[in-house]
C-alpha cells in the first residue's frame, strides 16, 4: 500500500508460486514512479533462484526488496490476521 492508500494487487485461485510473484512484481514495476521498497517474508516463493535472479533488474526499475528476518512472525502483519 502506498502512503496515499493506493493498493496494487491481484487475486489468485490456487497455489501461489514464485513465478506468479515474479510476474506480479514485473507488472508492478511498470507502474512505479519513484524508489519503492516491498517488505516480504522469507517464504520459499520469495527466495527461489528465479526470484533472486530478478532482483538486479527490479532495482534498476526502482524496486527494492527487503526481507523480514527469518522466524519473525511478530513483524509480519499477515501472520496476525
PDB file of N, CA and C in Angstrom:
ATOM      1  N   UNK A   1       0.835  -1.164   0.000  1.00  0.00           N
ATOM      2  CA  UNK A   1       0.000   0.000   0.000  1.00  0.00           C
ATOM      3  C   UNK A   1       0.890   1.241   0.000  1.00  0.00           C
ATOM      4  N   UNK A   2       0.496   2.190  -0.795  1.00  0.00           N
ATOM      5  CA  UNK A   2       1.232   3.443  -0.853  1.00  0.00           C
ATOM      6  C   UNK A   2       0.803   4.359   0.283  1.00  0.00           C
ATOM      7  N   UNK A   3       1.574   5.404   0.484  1.00  0.00           N
ATOM      8  CA  UNK A   3       1.245   6.367   1.545  1.00  0.00           C
ATOM      9  C   UNK A   3      -0.115   7.011   1.337  1.00  0.00           C
ATOM     10  N   UNK A   4      -0.532   7.131   0.082  1.00  0.00           N
ATOM     11  CA  UNK A   4      -1.836   7.738  -0.200  1.00  0.00           C
ATOM     12  C   UNK A   4      -2.950   6.689  -0.257  1.00  0.00           C
ATOM     13  N   UNK A   5      -2.682   5.518   0.310  1.00  0.00           N
ATOM     14  CA  UNK A   5      -3.642   4.415   0.430  1.00  0.00           C
ATOM     15  C   UNK A   5      -3.988   3.730  -0.885  1.00  0.00           C
ATOM     16  N   UNK A   6      -3.205   3.938  -1.929  1.00  0.00           N
ATOM     17  CA  UNK A   6      -3.392   3.183  -3.157  1.00  0.00           C
ATOM     18  C   UNK A   6      -2.818   1.791  -2.956  1.00  0.00           C
ATOM     19  N   UNK A   7      -3.513   0.811  -3.486  1.00  0.00           N
ATOM     20  CA  UNK A   7      -3.101  -0.577  -3.321  1.00  0.00           C
ATOM     21  C   UNK A   7      -3.076  -1.255  -4.679  1.00  0.00           C
ATOM     22  N   UNK A   8      -1.963  -1.874  -5.021  1.00  0.00           N
ATOM     23  CA  UNK A   8      -1.806  -2.619  -6.266  1.00  0.00           C
ATOM     24  C   UNK A   8      -1.860  -4.090  -5.892  1.00  0.00           C
ATOM     25  N   UNK A   9      -2.838  -4.819  -6.415  1.00  0.00           N
ATOM     26  CA  UNK A   9      -2.977  -6.220  -6.019  1.00  0.00           C
ATOM     27  C   UNK A   9      -3.587  -7.057  -7.135  1.00  0.00           C
ATOM     28  N   UNK A  10      -3.474  -8.354  -6.987  1.00  0.00           N
ATOM     29  CA  UNK A  10      -4.143  -9.337  -7.827  1.00  0.00           C
ATOM     30  C   UNK A  10      -4.639 -10.448  -6.915  1.00  0.00           C
ATOM     31  N   UNK A  11      -5.698 -11.087  -7.340  1.00  0.00           N
ATOM     32  CA  UNK A  11      -6.157 -12.258  -6.599  1.00  0.00           C
ATOM     33  C   UNK A  11      -5.695 -13.507  -7.331  1.00  0.00           C
ATOM     34  N   UNK A  12      -5.538 -14.567  -6.591  1.00  0.00           N
ATOM     35  CA  UNK A  12      -5.035 -15.813  -7.161  1.00  0.00           C
ATOM     36  C   UNK A  12      -5.835 -16.971  -6.585  1.00  0.00           C
ATOM     37  N   UNK A  13      -6.387 -17.800  -7.454  1.00  0.00           N
ATOM     38  CA  UNK A  13      -7.054 -19.022  -7.025  1.00  0.00           C
ATOM     39  C   UNK A  13      -6.032 -20.143  -7.101  1.00  0.00           C
ATOM     40  N   UNK A  14      -5.860 -20.860  -6.018  1.00  0.00           N
ATOM     41  CA  UNK A  14      -4.899 -21.956  -6.006  1.00  0.00           C
ATOM     42  C   UNK A  14      -3.582 -21.536  -5.393  1.00  0.00           C
ATOM     43  N   UNK A  15      -2.580 -22.316  -5.667  1.00  0.00           N
ATOM     44  CA  UNK A  15      -1.260 -22.126  -5.077  1.00  0.00           C
ATOM     45  C   UNK A  15      -0.535 -20.933  -5.695  1.00  0.00           C
ATOM     46  N   UNK A  16       0.054 -20.126  -4.860  1.00  0.00           N
ATOM     47  CA  UNK A  16       0.888 -19.018  -5.332  1.00  0.00           C
ATOM     48  C   UNK A  16       2.309 -19.541  -5.454  1.00  0.00           C
ATOM     49  N   UNK A  17       2.872 -19.404  -6.638  1.00  0.00           N
ATOM     50  CA  UNK A  17       4.232 -19.873  -6.903  1.00  0.00           C
ATOM     51  C   UNK A  17       5.171 -18.685  -7.062  1.00  0.00           C
ATOM     52  N   UNK A  18       6.438 -18.985  -7.102  1.00  0.00           N
ATOM     53  CA  UNK A  18       7.439 -17.947  -7.318  1.00  0.00           C
ATOM     54  C   UNK A  18       7.206 -17.261  -8.665  1.00  0.00           C
ATOM     55  N   UNK A  19       6.842 -18.023  -9.665  1.00  0.00           N
ATOM     56  CA  UNK A  19       6.585 -17.464 -10.994  1.00  0.00           C
ATOM     57  C   UNK A  19       5.443 -16.444 -10.949  1.00  0.00           C
ATOM     58  N   UNK A  20       4.409 -16.742 -10.190  1.00  0.00           N
ATOM     59  CA  UNK A  20       3.280 -15.814 -10.062  1.00  0.00           C
ATOM     60  C   UNK A  20       3.727 -14.530  -9.377  1.00  0.00           C
ATOM     61  N   UNK A  21       4.516 -14.641  -8.327  1.00  0.00           N
ATOM     62  CA  UNK A  21       5.012 -13.455  -7.615  1.00  0.00           C
ATOM     63  C   UNK A  21       5.919 -12.633  -8.532  1.00  0.00           C
ATOM     64  N   UNK A  22       6.786 -13.296  -9.267  1.00  0.00           N
ATOM     65  CA  UNK A  22       7.686 -12.605 -10.199  1.00  0.00           C
ATOM     66  C   UNK A  22       6.882 -11.846 -11.247  1.00  0.00           C
ATOM     67  N   UNK A  23       5.888 -12.489 -11.835  1.00  0.00           N
ATOM     68  CA  UNK A  23       5.055 -11.823 -12.845  1.00  0.00           C
ATOM     69  C   UNK A  23       4.331 -10.615 -12.258  1.00  0.00           C
ATOM     70  N   UNK A  24       3.842 -10.752 -11.037  1.00  0.00           N
ATOM     71  CA  UNK A  24       3.170  -9.639 -10.368  1.00  0.00           C
ATOM     72  C   UNK A  24       4.135  -8.465 -10.183  1.00  0.00           C
ATOM     73  N   UNK A  25       5.332  -8.748  -9.687  1.00  0.00           N
ATOM     74  CA  UNK A  25       6.296  -7.669  -9.449  1.00  0.00           C
ATOM     75  C   UNK A  25       6.774  -7.051 -10.754  1.00  0.00           C
ATOM     76  N   UNK A  26       6.884  -7.848 -11.813  1.00  0.00           N
ATOM     77  CA  UNK A  26       7.223  -7.286 -13.124  1.00  0.00           C
ATOM     78  C   UNK A  26       6.159  -6.281 -13.563  1.00  0.00           C
ATOM     79  N   UNK A  27       4.891  -6.628 -13.374  1.00  0.00           N
ATOM     80  CA  UNK A  27       3.797  -5.711 -13.723  1.00  0.00           C
ATOM     81  C   UNK A  27       3.817  -4.480 -12.816  1.00  0.00           C
ATOM     82  N   UNK A  28       4.077  -4.702 -11.543  1.00  0.00           N
ATOM     83  CA  UNK A  28       4.119  -3.593 -10.589  1.00  0.00           C
ATOM     84  C   UNK A  28       5.201  -2.586 -10.977  1.00  0.00           C
ATOM     85  N   UNK A  29       6.331  -3.070 -11.428  1.00  0.00           N
ATOM     86  CA  UNK A  29       7.442  -2.189 -11.820  1.00  0.00           C
ATOM     87  C   UNK A  29       7.043  -1.220 -12.928  1.00  0.00           C
ATOM     88  N   UNK A  30       6.085  -1.591 -13.725  1.00  0.00           N
ATOM     89  CA  UNK A  30       5.644  -0.724 -14.820  1.00  0.00           C
ATOM     90  C   UNK A  30       4.874   0.491 -14.308  1.00  0.00           C
ATOM     91  N   UNK A  31       4.411   0.433 -13.063  1.00  0.00           N
ATOM     92  CA  UNK A  31       3.564   1.497 -12.520  1.00  0.00           C
ATOM     93  C   UNK A  31       4.253   2.408 -11.518  1.00  0.00           C
ATOM     94  N   UNK A  32       5.464   2.091 -11.105  1.00  0.00           N
ATOM     95  CA  UNK A  32       6.082   2.908 -10.065  1.00  0.00           C
ATOM     96  C   UNK A  32       6.809   4.102 -10.678  1.00  0.00           C
ATOM     97  N   UNK A  33       6.760   5.213  -9.969  1.00  0.00           N
ATOM     98  CA  UNK A  33       7.359   6.455 -10.443  1.00  0.00           C
ATOM     99  C   UNK A  33       8.638   6.816  -9.699  1.00  0.00           C
ATOM    100  N   UNK A  34       8.787   6.302  -8.488  1.00  0.00           N
ATOM    101  CA  UNK A  34       9.964   6.633  -7.689  1.00  0.00           C
ATOM    102  C   UNK A  34      10.409   5.395  -6.922  1.00  0.00           C
ATOM    103  N   UNK A  35      11.514   5.517  -6.211  1.00  0.00           N
ATOM    104  CA  UNK A  35      12.042   4.372  -5.478  1.00  0.00           C
ATOM    105  C   UNK A  35      10.977   3.790  -4.560  1.00  0.00           C
ATOM    106  N   UNK A  36      10.860   2.477  -4.607  1.00  0.00           N
ATOM    107  CA  UNK A  36       9.825   1.767  -3.861  1.00  0.00           C
ATOM    108  C   UNK A  36      10.446   0.571  -3.161  1.00  0.00           C
ATOM    109  N   UNK A  37      10.033   0.340  -1.924  1.00  0.00           N
ATOM    110  CA  UNK A  37      10.504  -0.812  -1.155  1.00  0.00           C
ATOM    111  C   UNK A  37       9.314  -1.720  -0.882  1.00  0.00           C
ATOM    112  N   UNK A  38       9.493  -3.002  -1.144  1.00  0.00           N
ATOM    113  CA  UNK A  38       8.491  -4.005  -0.802  1.00  0.00           C
ATOM    114  C   UNK A  38       9.085  -4.882   0.286  1.00  0.00           C
ATOM    115  N   UNK A  39       8.338  -5.031   1.365  1.00  0.00           N
ATOM    116  CA  UNK A  39       8.787  -5.834   2.504  1.00  0.00           C
ATOM    117  C   UNK A  39       8.082  -7.180   2.436  1.00  0.00           C
ATOM    118  N   UNK A  40       8.881  -8.258   2.402  1.00  0.00           N
ATOM    119  CA  UNK A  40       8.316  -9.602   2.282  1.00  0.00           C
ATOM    120  C   UNK A  40       8.980 -10.539   3.280  1.00  0.00           C
ATOM    121  N   UNK A  41       8.311 -11.654   3.520  1.00  0.00           N
ATOM    122  CA  UNK A  41       8.912 -12.657   4.397  1.00  0.00           C
ATOM    123  C   UNK A  41       9.851 -13.542   3.573  1.00  0.00           C
ATOM    124  N   UNK A  42      10.444 -14.508   4.216  1.00  0.00           N
ATOM    125  CA  UNK A  42      11.414 -15.362   3.534  1.00  0.00           C
ATOM    126  C   UNK A  42      10.810 -16.704   3.122  1.00  0.00           C
ATOM    127  N   UNK A  43       9.554 -16.673   2.704  1.00  0.00           N
ATOM    128  CA  UNK A  43       8.920 -17.872   2.165  1.00  0.00           C
ATOM    129  C   UNK A  43       9.691 -18.330   0.932  1.00  0.00           C
ATOM    130  N   UNK A  44       9.623 -19.608   0.646  1.00  0.00           N
ATOM    131  CA  UNK A  44      10.397 -20.162  -0.472  1.00  0.00           C
ATOM    132  C   UNK A  44      10.044 -19.506  -1.803  1.00  0.00           C
ATOM    133  N   UNK A  45       8.817 -19.033  -1.973  1.00  0.00           N
ATOM    134  CA  UNK A  45       8.462 -18.367  -3.229  1.00  0.00           C
ATOM    135  C   UNK A  45       9.163 -17.023  -3.376  1.00  0.00           C
ATOM    136  N   UNK A  46       9.633 -16.464  -2.264  1.00  0.00           N
ATOM    137  CA  UNK A  46      10.341 -15.176  -2.285  1.00  0.00           C
ATOM    138  C   UNK A  46      11.852 -15.337  -2.305  1.00  0.00           C
ATOM    139  N   UNK A  47      12.338 -16.557  -2.201  1.00  0.00           N
ATOM    140  CA  UNK A  47      13.793 -16.776  -2.140  1.00  0.00           C
ATOM    141  C   UNK A  47      14.266 -17.789  -3.172  1.00  0.00           C
ATOM    142  N   UNK A  48      13.417 -18.127  -4.123  1.00  0.00           N
ATOM    143  CA  UNK A  48      13.801 -19.090  -5.162  1.00  0.00           C
ATOM    144  C   UNK A  48      14.903 -18.502  -6.040  1.00  0.00           C
ATOM    145  N   UNK A  49      15.591 -19.357  -6.754  1.00  0.00           N
ATOM    146  CA  UNK A  49      16.642 -18.891  -7.668  1.00  0.00           C
ATOM    147  C   UNK A  49      16.075 -17.921  -8.702  1.00  0.00           C
ATOM    148  N   UNK A  50      14.904 -18.246  -9.241  1.00  0.00           N
ATOM    149  CA  UNK A  50      14.290 -17.379 -10.252  1.00  0.00           C
ATOM    150  C   UNK A  50      13.977 -16.001  -9.673  1.00  0.00           C
ATOM    151  N   UNK A  51      13.512 -15.964  -8.433  1.00  0.00           N
ATOM    152  CA  UNK A  51      13.199 -14.696  -7.767  1.00  0.00           C
ATOM    153  C   UNK A  51      14.475 -13.888  -7.550  1.00  0.00           C
ATOM    154  N   UNK A  52      15.500 -14.533  -7.035  1.00  0.00           N
ATOM    155  CA  UNK A  52      16.779 -13.858  -6.759  1.00  0.00           C
ATOM    156  C   UNK A  52      17.374 -13.285  -8.040  1.00  0.00           C
ATOM    157  N   UNK A  53      17.225 -14.007  -9.142  1.00  0.00           N
ATOM    158  CA  UNK A  53      17.769 -13.541 -10.421  1.00  0.00           C
ATOM    159  C   UNK A  53      17.118 -12.243 -10.891  1.00  0.00           C
ATOM    160  N   UNK A  54      15.919 -11.944 -10.441  1.00  0.00           N
ATOM    161  CA  UNK A  54      15.205 -10.738 -10.862  1.00  0.00           C
ATOM    162  C   UNK A  54      15.563  -9.497 -10.043  1.00  0.00           C
ATOM    163  N   UNK A  55      16.225  -9.671  -8.917  1.00  0.00           N
ATOM    164  CA  UNK A  55      16.472  -8.548  -8.005  1.00  0.00           C
ATOM    165  C   UNK A  55      17.195  -7.383  -8.671  1.00  0.00           C
ATOM    166  N   UNK A  56      18.239  -7.674  -9.408  1.00  0.00           N
ATOM    167  CA  UNK A  56      19.012  -6.602 -10.049  1.00  0.00           C
ATOM    168  C   UNK A  56      18.153  -5.850 -11.067  1.00  0.00           C
ATOM    169  N   UNK A  57      17.387  -6.577 -11.839  1.00  0.00           N
ATOM    170  CA  UNK A  57      16.500  -5.950 -12.827  1.00  0.00           C
ATOM    171  C   UNK A  57      15.483  -5.035 -12.140  1.00  0.00           C
ATOM    172  N   UNK A  58      14.886  -5.523 -11.060  1.00  0.00           N
ATOM    173  CA  UNK A  58      13.900  -4.711 -10.338  1.00  0.00           C
ATOM    174  C   UNK A  58      14.543  -3.473  -9.724  1.00  0.00           C
ATOM    175  N   UNK A  59      15.750  -3.618  -9.199  1.00  0.00           N
ATOM    176  CA  UNK A  59      16.424  -2.449  -8.609  1.00  0.00           C
ATOM    177  C   UNK A  59      16.672  -1.376  -9.655  1.00  0.00           C
ATOM    178  N   UNK A  60      16.978  -1.785 -10.878  1.00  0.00           N
ATOM    179  CA  UNK A  60      17.171  -0.816 -11.961  1.00  0.00           C
ATOM    180  C   UNK A  60      15.873  -0.082 -12.283  1.00  0.00           C
ATOM    181  N   UNK A  61      14.749  -0.705 -11.926  1.00  0.00           N
ATOM    182  CA  UNK A  61      13.433  -0.100 -12.149  1.00  0.00           C
ATOM    183  C   UNK A  61      12.898   0.555 -10.873  1.00  0.00           C
ATOM    184  N   UNK A  62      13.790   0.807  -9.918  1.00  0.00           N
ATOM    185  CA  UNK A  62      13.469   1.491  -8.655  1.00  0.00           C
ATOM    186  C   UNK A  62      12.660   0.657  -7.671  1.00  0.00           C
ATOM    187  N   UNK A  63      12.714  -0.659  -7.783  1.00  0.00           N
ATOM    188  CA  UNK A  63      12.021  -1.531  -6.841  1.00  0.00           C
ATOM    189  C   UNK A  63      13.047  -2.286  -6.013  1.00  0.00           C
ATOM    190  N   UNK A  64      12.998  -2.083  -4.715  1.00  0.00           N
ATOM    191  CA  UNK A  64      13.913  -2.739  -3.779  1.00  0.00           C
ATOM    192  C   UNK A  64      13.118  -3.734  -2.948  1.00  0.00           C
ATOM    193  N   UNK A  65      13.638  -4.943  -2.827  1.00  0.00           N
ATOM    194  CA  UNK A  65      13.022  -5.974  -1.994  1.00  0.00           C
ATOM    195  C   UNK A  65      13.757  -6.000  -0.662  1.00  0.00           C
ATOM    196  N   UNK A  66      12.985  -5.945   0.419  1.00  0.00           N
ATOM    197  CA  UNK A  66      13.537  -6.038   1.768  1.00  0.00           C
ATOM    198  C   UNK A  66      12.893  -7.236   2.447  1.00  0.00           C
ATOM    199  N   UNK A  67      13.724  -8.176   2.898  1.00  0.00           N
ATOM    200  CA  UNK A  67      13.211  -9.373   3.555  1.00  0.00           C
ATOM    201  C   UNK A  67      13.151  -9.174   5.056  1.00  0.00           C
ATOM    202  N   UNK A  68      12.063  -9.637   5.646  1.00  0.00           N
ATOM    203  CA  UNK A  68      11.983  -9.698   7.100  1.00  0.00           C
ATOM    204  C   UNK A  68      12.964 -10.749   7.597  1.00  0.00           C
ATOM    205  N   UNK A  69      13.443 -10.617   8.813  1.00  0.00           N
ATOM    206  CA  UNK A  69      14.332 -11.645   9.359  1.00  0.00           C
ATOM    207  C   UNK A  69      13.610 -12.998   9.431  1.00  0.00           C
ATOM    208  N   UNK A  70      14.381 -14.052   9.310  1.00  0.00           N
ATOM    209  CA  UNK A  70      13.835 -15.398   9.428  1.00  0.00           C
ATOM    210  C   UNK A  70      13.211 -15.590  10.805  1.00  0.00           C
ATOM    211  N   UNK A  71      12.127 -16.339  10.830  1.00  0.00           N
ATOM    212  CA  UNK A  71      11.430 -16.668  12.084  1.00  0.00           C
ATOM    213  C   UNK A  71      11.045 -15.421  12.881  1.00  0.00           C
ATOM    214  N   UNK A  72      10.371 -14.500  12.219  1.00  0.00           N
ATOM    215  CA  UNK A  72       9.918 -13.287  12.911  1.00  0.00           C
ATOM    216  C   UNK A  72       8.459 -12.986  12.561  1.00  0.00           C
ATOM    217  N   UNK A  73       7.553 -13.907  12.871  1.00  0.00           N
ATOM    218  CA  UNK A  73       6.146 -13.675  12.531  1.00  0.00           C
ATOM    219  C   UNK A  73       5.560 -12.440  13.213  1.00  0.00           C
ATOM    220  N   UNK A  74       6.147 -12.015  14.321  1.00  0.00           N
ATOM    221  CA  UNK A  74       5.665 -10.812  15.005  1.00  0.00           C
ATOM    222  C   UNK A  74       5.865  -9.549  14.163  1.00  0.00           C
ATOM    223  N   UNK A  75       6.739  -9.610  13.153  1.00  0.00           N
ATOM    224  CA  UNK A  75       6.961  -8.469  12.263  1.00  0.00           C
ATOM    225  C   UNK A  75       6.120  -8.555  10.994  1.00  0.00           C
ATOM    226  N   UNK A  76       5.505  -9.700  10.769  1.00  0.00           N
ATOM    227  CA  UNK A  76       4.741  -9.946   9.553  1.00  0.00           C
ATOM    228  C   UNK A  76       3.256  -9.824   9.876  1.00  0.00           C
ATOM    229  N   UNK A  77       2.656  -8.696   9.508  1.00  0.00           N
ATOM    230  CA  UNK A  77       1.272  -8.420   9.891  1.00  0.00           C
ATOM    231  C   UNK A  77       0.290  -9.479   9.406  1.00  0.00           C
ATOM    232  N   UNK A  78       0.554 -10.113   8.277  1.00  0.00           N
ATOM    233  CA  UNK A  78      -0.367 -11.131   7.777  1.00  0.00           C
ATOM    234  C   UNK A  78      -0.454 -12.317   8.730  1.00  0.00           C
ATOM    235  N   UNK A  79       0.577 -12.560   9.506  1.00  0.00           N
ATOM    236  CA  UNK A  79       0.574 -13.663  10.469  1.00  0.00           C
ATOM    237  C   UNK A  79      -0.339 -13.373  11.660  1.00  0.00           C
ATOM    238  N   UNK A  80      -0.674 -12.114  11.864  1.00  0.00           N
ATOM    239  CA  UNK A  80      -1.518 -11.732  12.989  1.00  0.00           C
ATOM    240  C   UNK A  80      -2.996 -11.904  12.649  1.00  0.00           C
ATOM    241  N   UNK A  81      -3.339 -11.835  11.373  1.00  0.00           N
ATOM    242  CA  UNK A  81      -4.750 -11.925  10.951  1.00  0.00           C
ATOM    243  C   UNK A  81      -5.347 -13.270  11.249  1.00  0.00           C
TER     244      UNK A  81
END
